[in-house]
Protein backbone atom coordinates (compact mmCIF):
# COMPACT_ATOMS: atom_id res chain seq x y z
CA UNK A 1 -4.19 19.74 12.21
CA UNK A 2 -7.12 17.41 11.91
CA UNK A 3 -7.41 14.24 13.81
CA UNK A 4 -6.17 10.96 12.26
CA UNK A 5 -8.78 8.79 10.60
CA UNK A 6 -7.67 5.35 9.52
CA UNK A 7 -9.53 2.64 7.69
CA UNK A 8 -8.63 -1.08 7.76
CA UNK A 9 -10.18 -3.10 4.96
CA UNK A 10 -9.92 -6.80 5.43
CA UNK A 11 -11.36 -9.46 3.12
CA UNK A 12 -13.55 -12.02 4.78
CA UNK A 13 -11.94 -15.46 4.66
CA UNK A 14 -10.07 -14.35 1.70
CA UNK A 15 -8.81 -17.64 0.05
CA UNK A 16 -12.21 -19.27 0.70
CA UNK A 17 -14.13 -16.27 -0.73
CA UNK A 18 -11.85 -15.90 -3.71
CA UNK A 19 -12.10 -19.65 -4.43
CA UNK A 20 -15.86 -19.45 -4.14
CA UNK A 21 -16.13 -16.64 -6.62
CA UNK A 22 -14.06 -18.66 -8.99
CA UNK A 23 -16.00 -21.75 -8.52
CA UNK A 24 -19.32 -20.09 -8.77
CA UNK A 25 -18.47 -18.91 -12.26
CA UNK A 26 -18.05 -22.51 -13.35
CA UNK A 27 -21.30 -23.69 -11.60
CA UNK A 28 -19.73 -24.84 -8.49
CA UNK A 29 -20.88 -24.50 -4.90
CA UNK A 30 -20.56 -21.42 -2.87
CA UNK A 31 -17.70 -22.44 -0.39
CA UNK A 32 -18.65 -19.66 1.92
CA UNK A 33 -22.05 -21.14 2.58
CA UNK A 34 -20.88 -24.65 3.43
CA UNK A 35 -18.17 -26.30 5.59
CA UNK A 36 -15.17 -26.01 3.36
CA UNK A 37 -11.48 -25.29 3.40
CA UNK A 38 -8.70 -24.38 0.91
CA UNK A 39 -5.88 -26.84 1.31
CA UNK A 40 -3.81 -29.54 -0.36
CA UNK A 41 -4.48 -33.16 -1.23
CA UNK A 42 -5.96 -34.91 1.88
CA UNK A 43 -3.92 -38.11 0.99
CA UNK A 44 -0.71 -36.15 1.69
CA UNK A 45 0.29 -36.10 5.40
CA UNK A 46 1.88 -32.57 4.66
CA UNK A 47 -1.33 -31.03 3.36
CA UNK A 48 -2.64 -28.36 5.57
CA UNK A 49 -5.67 -26.15 5.97
CA UNK A 50 -4.68 -22.74 4.40
CA UNK A 51 -8.14 -21.23 5.03
CA UNK A 52 -11.53 -22.32 6.31
CA UNK A 53 -15.17 -21.19 5.98
CA UNK A 54 -17.15 -19.90 8.83
CA UNK A 55 -19.18 -23.07 8.74
CA UNK A 56 -16.02 -25.19 8.94
CA UNK A 57 -14.85 -23.14 11.99
CA UNK A 58 -17.87 -24.35 13.85
CA UNK A 59 -16.59 -27.95 13.59
CA UNK A 60 -13.38 -26.88 15.33
CA UNK A 61 -11.29 -26.85 12.19
CA UNK A 62 -8.35 -24.59 12.46
CA UNK A 63 -5.87 -22.93 10.05
CA UNK A 64 -2.62 -24.81 9.73
CA UNK A 65 -3.94 -28.26 10.87
CA UNK A 66 -3.63 -31.23 8.54
CA UNK A 67 -6.39 -31.69 6.13
CA UNK A 68 -6.79 -35.17 7.09
CA UNK A 69 -7.48 -34.07 10.78
CA UNK A 70 -9.99 -31.50 9.36
CA UNK A 71 -11.87 -34.42 7.47
CA UNK A 72 -12.13 -36.38 10.64
CA UNK A 73 -13.78 -33.52 12.40
CA UNK A 74 -16.19 -32.95 9.44
CA UNK A 75 -16.39 -35.93 6.96
CA UNK A 76 -18.61 -33.83 4.52
CA UNK A 77 -15.89 -31.11 4.29
CA UNK A 78 -15.49 -29.68 0.82
CA UNK A 79 -11.83 -29.18 -0.04
CA UNK A 80 -10.76 -26.69 -2.68
CA UNK A 81 -7.24 -26.36 -4.09
CA UNK A 82 -5.49 -23.09 -4.18
CA UNK A 83 -5.14 -20.92 -7.26
CA UNK A 84 -2.58 -18.22 -6.39
CA UNK A 85 -2.75 -16.45 -9.69
CA UNK A 86 -6.44 -15.95 -9.25
CA UNK A 87 -5.89 -14.73 -5.67
CA UNK A 88 -3.42 -12.09 -6.83
CA UNK A 89 -5.98 -10.77 -9.38
CA UNK A 90 -8.59 -10.53 -6.65
CA UNK A 91 -6.19 -8.80 -4.39
CA UNK A 92 -5.19 -6.30 -6.92
CA UNK A 93 -8.77 -5.59 -7.81
CA UNK A 94 -10.05 -4.84 -4.26
CA UNK A 95 -6.96 -2.82 -3.48
CA UNK A 96 -7.49 -0.81 -6.59
CA UNK A 97 -11.03 0.15 -5.48
CA UNK A 98 -9.60 1.11 -1.93
CA UNK A 99 -7.02 3.43 -3.43
CA UNK A 100 -9.68 5.41 -5.33
CA UNK A 101 -10.64 6.93 -1.90
CA UNK A 102 -7.23 8.09 -0.73
CA UNK A 103 -3.68 8.57 -1.96
CA UNK A 104 -2.29 7.09 1.19
CA UNK A 105 -2.69 3.20 1.12
CA UNK A 106 -0.51 0.62 2.78
CA UNK A 107 -0.82 -3.01 1.75
CA UNK A 108 -0.71 -4.96 5.07
CA UNK A 109 -1.01 -8.33 3.38
CA UNK A 110 -2.55 -9.93 0.26
CA UNK A 111 -6.10 -9.44 1.82
CA UNK A 112 -5.59 -6.37 4.00
CA UNK A 113 -4.98 -2.60 3.57
CA UNK A 114 -4.81 0.54 5.75
CA UNK A 115 -6.25 3.65 4.32
CA UNK A 116 -5.25 7.00 5.75
CA UNK A 117 -8.48 9.05 5.42
CA UNK A 118 -7.14 12.03 7.53
CA UNK A 119 -8.06 15.38 6.02
CA UNK A 120 -10.42 13.76 3.46
CA UNK A 121 -13.61 15.05 5.30
CA UNK A 122 -14.23 17.65 2.58
CA UNK A 123 -14.61 14.97 0.02
CA UNK A 124 -16.08 12.27 2.31
CA UNK A 125 -17.78 14.05 5.23
CA UNK A 126 -19.33 10.86 6.66
CA UNK A 127 -16.64 8.17 7.35
CA UNK A 128 -19.11 5.46 8.11
CA UNK A 129 -21.11 5.98 4.93
CA UNK A 130 -17.76 6.01 2.94
CA UNK A 131 -16.68 2.72 4.55
CA UNK A 132 -20.08 1.13 3.61
CA UNK A 133 -19.68 2.49 0.12
CA UNK A 134 -16.20 0.91 -0.28
CA UNK A 135 -17.52 -2.33 1.25
CA UNK A 136 -20.54 -2.43 -1.01
CA UNK A 137 -18.63 -1.61 -4.16
CA UNK A 138 -16.19 -4.46 -3.52
CA UNK A 139 -19.03 -6.86 -3.15
CA UNK A 140 -21.10 -5.72 -6.19
CA UNK A 141 -18.05 -5.40 -8.44
CA UNK A 142 -16.00 -8.35 -7.36
CA UNK A 143 -18.35 -10.72 -5.69
CA UNK A 144 -16.75 -11.09 -2.24
CA UNK A 145 -17.11 -9.32 1.05
CA UNK A 146 -14.91 -7.32 3.32
CA UNK A 147 -14.99 -5.90 6.85
CA UNK A 148 -13.97 -2.22 7.31
CA UNK A 149 -12.62 -1.00 10.66
CA UNK A 150 -12.57 2.71 11.49
CA UNK A 151 -10.34 4.27 14.07
CA UNK A 152 -8.12 7.10 15.00
CA UNK A 153 -4.97 4.92 14.39
CA UNK A 154 -4.00 1.65 12.66
CA UNK A 155 -4.44 -0.46 15.81
CA UNK A 156 -7.90 0.67 16.53
CA UNK A 157 -8.87 0.25 12.93
CA UNK A 158 -7.39 -3.21 12.77
CA UNK A 159 -9.13 -4.19 15.97
CA UNK A 160 -12.46 -2.79 14.74
CA UNK A 161 -12.31 -4.82 11.56
CA UNK A 162 -11.95 -7.96 13.50
CA UNK A 163 -15.26 -7.46 15.31
CA UNK A 164 -18.27 -9.35 14.02
CA UNK A 165 -18.00 -10.78 10.56
CA UNK A 166 -18.66 -10.92 7.69
CA UNK A 167 -19.60 -7.95 5.49
CA UNK A 168 -19.62 -5.33 8.42
CA UNK A 169 -18.40 -1.81 9.22
CA UNK A 170 -17.22 -1.17 12.78
CA UNK A 171 -15.69 1.82 14.56
CA UNK A 172 -13.28 1.85 17.48
CA UNK A 173 -12.53 5.47 18.54
CA UNK A 174 -10.65 6.25 21.73
CA UNK A 175 -13.93 6.93 23.69
CA UNK A 176 -15.25 3.58 22.67
CA UNK A 177 -12.29 1.39 23.94
CA UNK A 178 -13.58 0.70 27.39
CA UNK A 179 -16.87 -0.61 26.03
CA UNK A 180 -15.73 -2.28 22.87
CA UNK A 181 -12.19 -3.46 23.45
CA UNK A 182 -11.45 -3.91 27.06
CA UNK A 183 -14.00 -6.73 27.76
CA UNK A 184 -12.26 -8.85 25.06
CA UNK A 185 -9.89 -11.68 25.80
CA UNK A 186 -6.34 -10.56 26.09
CA UNK A 187 -5.47 -12.99 23.26
CA UNK A 188 -7.58 -10.93 20.94
CA UNK A 189 -5.17 -7.92 21.28
CA UNK A 190 -3.47 -7.52 17.96
CA UNK A 191 0.08 -8.94 18.13
CA UNK A 192 -0.57 -10.80 21.44
CA UNK A 193 0.58 -14.29 20.49
CA UNK A 194 0.31 -17.64 22.51
CA UNK A 195 3.49 -17.18 24.44
CA UNK A 196 2.57 -13.65 25.58
CA UNK A 197 -0.85 -14.70 26.49
CA UNK A 198 0.34 -17.43 28.74
CA UNK A 199 2.71 -14.98 30.47
CA UNK A 200 -0.09 -12.42 30.96
CA UNK A 201 -2.44 -15.07 32.36
CA UNK A 202 0.27 -15.90 34.86
CA UNK A 203 -0.38 -12.43 36.28
CA UNK A 204 -4.12 -13.25 36.28
CA UNK A 205 -4.61 -10.85 33.29
CA UNK A 206 -7.40 -12.37 31.13
CA UNK A 207 -9.00 -9.32 29.49
CA UNK A 208 -7.50 -6.42 27.44
CA UNK A 209 -9.01 -4.15 30.12
CA UNK A 210 -7.08 -5.90 32.81
CA UNK A 211 -3.96 -5.46 30.72
CA UNK A 212 -4.71 -1.77 30.22
CA UNK A 213 -4.98 -1.19 33.96
CA UNK A 214 -1.85 -3.16 35.08
CA UNK A 215 1.18 -1.16 35.82
CA UNK A 216 3.91 -1.41 33.17
CA UNK A 217 6.50 -2.21 35.95
CA UNK A 218 4.47 -5.37 36.90
CA UNK A 219 4.06 -6.39 33.31
CA UNK A 220 7.81 -6.00 32.75
CA UNK A 221 8.45 -8.79 35.41
CA UNK A 222 7.16 -11.39 32.95
CA UNK A 223 7.29 -9.67 29.38
CA UNK A 224 10.41 -7.61 29.64
CA UNK A 225 10.51 -3.79 29.57
CA UNK A 226 9.99 -3.31 25.79
CA UNK A 227 7.15 -5.87 25.35
CA UNK A 228 5.44 -4.51 28.50
CA UNK A 229 5.36 -1.02 27.06
CA UNK A 230 4.20 -2.21 23.71
CA UNK A 231 1.20 -4.26 25.07
CA UNK A 232 0.30 -1.65 27.68
CA UNK A 233 0.08 0.97 24.98
CA UNK A 234 -1.88 -1.24 22.65
CA UNK A 235 -4.25 -2.22 25.43
CA UNK A 236 -4.99 1.51 25.81
CA UNK A 237 -5.50 2.09 22.12
CA UNK A 238 -2.19 3.98 21.72
CA UNK A 239 -0.46 3.61 18.30
CA UNK A 240 1.38 6.33 16.45
CA UNK A 241 2.64 4.23 13.48
CA UNK A 242 1.97 5.95 10.02
CA UNK A 243 0.27 4.47 7.03
CA UNK A 244 3.22 3.89 4.75
CA UNK A 245 2.50 4.12 1.04
CA UNK A 246 5.04 1.74 -0.45
CA UNK A 247 7.13 2.90 -3.36
CA UNK A 248 6.37 1.62 -6.84
CA UNK A 249 9.84 0.44 -7.54
CA UNK A 250 11.06 -1.84 -4.80
CA UNK A 251 14.40 -0.89 -3.26
CA UNK A 252 14.75 -4.52 -2.14
CA UNK A 253 12.92 -7.69 -1.45
CA UNK A 254 11.99 -9.20 1.87
CA UNK A 255 10.02 -11.92 3.69
CA UNK A 256 9.01 -11.91 7.33
CA UNK A 257 7.05 -14.43 9.50
CA UNK A 258 5.76 -14.25 13.07
CA UNK A 259 5.54 -17.77 14.44
CA UNK A 260 2.99 -19.08 16.83
CA UNK A 261 5.42 -21.57 18.59
CA UNK A 262 8.73 -20.05 19.75
CA UNK A 263 11.75 -20.91 17.57
CA UNK A 264 14.45 -22.31 19.75
CA UNK A 265 16.82 -24.33 17.54
CA UNK A 266 18.88 -23.52 14.31
CA UNK A 267 17.26 -26.31 12.32
CA UNK A 268 13.74 -24.78 12.50
CA UNK A 269 15.22 -21.30 11.96
CA UNK A 270 17.23 -22.42 8.87
CA UNK A 271 14.17 -24.23 7.47
CA UNK A 272 12.27 -20.98 7.63
CA UNK A 273 15.16 -18.91 6.22
CA UNK A 274 15.38 -21.40 3.13
CA UNK A 275 11.64 -20.95 2.46
CA UNK A 276 12.07 -17.07 2.70
CA UNK A 277 15.21 -17.12 0.44
CA UNK A 278 13.31 -19.27 -2.07
CA UNK A 279 10.53 -16.70 -2.18
CA UNK A 280 12.60 -13.43 -2.36
CA UNK A 281 15.00 -14.76 -4.77
CA UNK A 282 12.33 -15.87 -7.23
CA UNK A 283 10.56 -12.53 -6.91
CA UNK A 284 13.95 -10.70 -7.69
CA UNK A 285 14.57 -13.03 -10.64
CA UNK A 286 11.21 -12.34 -11.99
CA UNK A 287 12.22 -8.71 -12.15
CA UNK A 288 15.58 -9.56 -13.85
CA UNK A 289 17.52 -8.27 -10.89
CA UNK A 290 20.35 -9.32 -8.51
CA UNK A 291 21.28 -8.24 -4.98
CA UNK A 292 24.48 -7.21 -3.38
CA UNK A 293 23.35 -7.32 0.32
CA UNK A 294 21.62 -9.96 2.45
CA UNK A 295 20.20 -9.39 5.83
CA UNK A 296 18.32 -11.14 8.59
CA UNK A 297 16.11 -9.84 11.21
CA UNK A 298 14.73 -11.48 14.35
CA UNK A 299 12.68 -10.62 17.38
CA UNK A 300 12.83 -12.22 20.79
CA UNK A 301 9.99 -12.63 23.35
CA UNK A 302 10.96 -9.25 24.95
CA UNK A 303 10.07 -7.62 21.57
CA UNK A 304 13.79 -6.67 20.99
CA UNK A 305 14.54 -6.61 17.24
CA UNK A 306 18.07 -7.49 16.09
CA UNK A 307 19.43 -7.47 12.51
CA UNK A 308 22.68 -8.42 10.79
CA UNK A 309 23.59 -7.84 7.20
CA UNK A 310 26.49 -8.33 4.91
CA UNK A 311 27.64 -7.03 1.49
CA UNK A 312 28.45 -9.73 -1.12
CA UNK A 313 31.51 -9.77 -3.19
CA UNK A 314 29.46 -9.87 -6.28
CA UNK A 315 25.81 -9.44 -7.26
CA UNK A 316 23.73 -12.56 -7.15
CA UNK A 317 20.34 -14.05 -7.90
CA UNK A 318 21.10 -17.54 -6.74
CA UNK A 319 18.81 -18.92 -4.04
CA UNK A 320 21.41 -20.98 -2.48
CA UNK A 321 23.95 -18.17 -2.12
CA UNK A 322 21.24 -16.04 -0.42
CA UNK A 323 20.26 -18.92 1.87
CA UNK A 324 23.82 -19.83 2.89
CA UNK A 325 24.78 -16.20 3.54
CA UNK A 326 21.53 -15.84 5.75
CA UNK A 327 22.35 -18.94 7.62
CA UNK A 328 25.90 -17.58 8.40
CA UNK A 329 24.47 -14.23 9.58
CA UNK A 330 22.05 -16.02 11.87
CA UNK A 331 24.68 -18.37 13.29
CA UNK A 332 27.02 -15.30 13.93
CA UNK A 333 24.43 -13.10 15.58
CA UNK A 334 21.89 -15.33 17.40
CA UNK A 335 22.50 -16.10 21.01
CA UNK A 336 20.04 -18.98 21.54
CA UNK A 337 17.02 -17.00 22.97
CA UNK A 338 13.52 -18.12 21.93
CA UNK A 339 12.30 -16.10 18.76
CA UNK A 340 8.89 -15.07 17.65
CA UNK A 341 9.74 -13.38 14.47
CA UNK A 342 12.29 -14.23 11.53
CA UNK A 343 12.85 -12.15 8.48
CA UNK A 344 15.18 -12.22 5.53
CA UNK A 345 15.92 -9.27 3.22
CA UNK A 346 17.92 -8.65 0.03
CA UNK A 347 18.86 -5.17 -0.99
CA UNK A 348 21.36 -3.05 -2.94
CA UNK A 349 19.57 -4.22 -6.05
CA UNK A 350 21.21 -4.31 -9.40
CA UNK A 351 18.78 -4.07 -12.39
CA UNK A 352 21.16 -3.22 -15.25
CA UNK A 353 21.31 -6.84 -16.31
CA UNK A 354 25.21 -6.78 -16.38
CA UNK A 355 26.97 -9.73 -14.82
CA UNK A 356 30.68 -9.79 -14.32
CA UNK A 357 32.24 -12.95 -15.87
CA UNK A 358 34.90 -14.99 -14.32
CA UNK A 359 37.80 -16.65 -16.20
CA UNK A 360 37.15 -19.81 -14.18
CA UNK A 361 33.71 -21.44 -14.39
CA UNK A 362 32.07 -22.34 -11.10
CA UNK A 363 30.23 -25.51 -11.95
CA UNK A 364 28.34 -25.57 -8.75
CA UNK A 365 27.15 -22.04 -9.23
CA UNK A 366 25.92 -22.92 -12.77
CA UNK A 367 24.13 -25.93 -11.40
CA UNK A 368 22.41 -23.92 -8.75
CA UNK A 369 21.38 -21.29 -11.43
CA UNK A 370 19.96 -23.97 -13.62
CA UNK A 371 18.11 -25.40 -10.66
CA UNK A 372 16.59 -21.99 -9.85
CA UNK A 373 15.65 -21.44 -13.51
CA UNK A 374 13.96 -24.77 -13.62
CA UNK A 375 11.97 -24.11 -10.54
CA UNK A 376 10.88 -20.71 -11.69
CA UNK A 377 9.75 -22.14 -15.00
CA UNK A 378 7.72 -24.78 -13.47
CA UNK A 379 6.12 -22.35 -10.96
CA UNK A 380 5.43 -20.02 -13.72
CA UNK A 381 3.50 -22.56 -15.74
CA UNK A 382 1.75 -24.49 -12.92
CA UNK A 383 1.66 -22.22 -9.94
CA UNK A 384 3.76 -21.59 -6.76
CA UNK A 385 2.58 -24.80 -5.03
CA UNK A 386 3.54 -27.15 -8.04
CA UNK A 387 7.08 -27.65 -6.81
CA UNK A 388 8.79 -26.88 -3.57
CA UNK A 389 11.90 -27.94 -1.67
CA UNK A 390 11.05 -30.83 0.69
CA UNK A 391 12.23 -29.15 3.75
CA UNK A 392 10.21 -26.04 3.22
CA UNK A 393 6.90 -27.35 1.95
CA UNK A 394 4.94 -26.28 5.07
CA UNK A 395 6.43 -22.83 5.26
CA UNK A 396 6.95 -21.60 1.77
CA UNK A 397 3.24 -21.42 0.92
CA UNK A 398 2.35 -18.93 3.67
CA UNK A 399 5.32 -16.71 2.78
CA UNK A 400 4.29 -16.73 -0.97
CA UNK A 401 0.68 -15.80 -0.12
CA UNK A 402 1.60 -12.72 1.84
CA UNK A 403 4.27 -11.41 -0.46
CA UNK A 404 3.36 -12.08 -4.12
CA UNK A 405 0.48 -9.72 -4.15
CA UNK A 406 2.54 -6.92 -2.69
CA UNK A 407 5.07 -7.25 -5.49
CA UNK A 408 2.28 -7.20 -7.97
CA UNK A 409 0.62 -4.18 -6.45
CA UNK A 410 3.84 -2.20 -6.32
CA UNK A 411 4.61 -2.93 -9.93
CA UNK A 412 1.21 -2.20 -11.30
CA UNK A 413 0.05 0.59 -8.96
CA UNK A 414 -0.25 3.14 -11.69
CA UNK A 415 -1.77 0.73 -14.34
């Protein structure tokens, strides 16, 4: 069996790049060449920076900060509104090019894919040349740049694509890890968030190399056994996870978010669950489907995953029903430990369009369905950001960005 060969293709500053391509067609500036961000109305306190150009980064502007704060750092900052329908088209277009090179492609987000190139050496004998070909085709045909990382597993390919940007091809094979990866700050290791970085630095571990050479038993004292094994393997470039080619017809719908600041109270958790319920329910309704099962998943700081799900008495497509069920599941199963990941899933999907009628009309249910229908209609005409529930305005945008393109790609993969 030949060795694994994985590509990770990542769009450079995706929302900025895609907005730039769109604006250039209309005679506007190239957002990639000036200090710019994609974000909301700066007059709104809730408007945040969704993406930033490389020039904007030099001013200390960070993703997620208020647009008003970014303007104070750079008064000449150019602010572009988001156009999610256009982003979906760009996402589908670059992924279509990528899939021409291998039958095994996993969409990792709206702007990232993994390509399993193992065994493709008879067709593409030079992996680096092939990566350059993919990169150059995307730029010449679509007008935006990508980085391509090449490695013997998904972790190495992902780490490689994050090296110098933009418009680059990088490799990270096992023999290159000591030179290319170990000198990097430990915070650069994929999946190592703020909390884990702080814990590792308490052991005087500042680089990935220091982490790689620290005994697992010592790491477990501050990380827990599972997280210690996870980070120790990653620091040594070990990752056996497969490239999963997603099925065309979704068996269910899900949303999942890893948070930078630990979630420690039900109010914050429920706010995220509501945003996730809003997204997955809308995606399901767009497919004319209903679900019979709702589940929640969460991960604590020791990298222990827990899940809880329940069968519904009848199939539903109502956001409020899904949300209230998820709230109950979380309340029943969560024991109060800090969390770094929350996910909501709906499954056991009914696509036959049949709905059992009750002899007694549930007026509240009909009002909730009418509200969902109105929200879907407005979003369909004016975009996902046109109307949002007040309590989820900061979280629903990021969830939609990651998941709408995946739905579109699955539905249109053969078109």
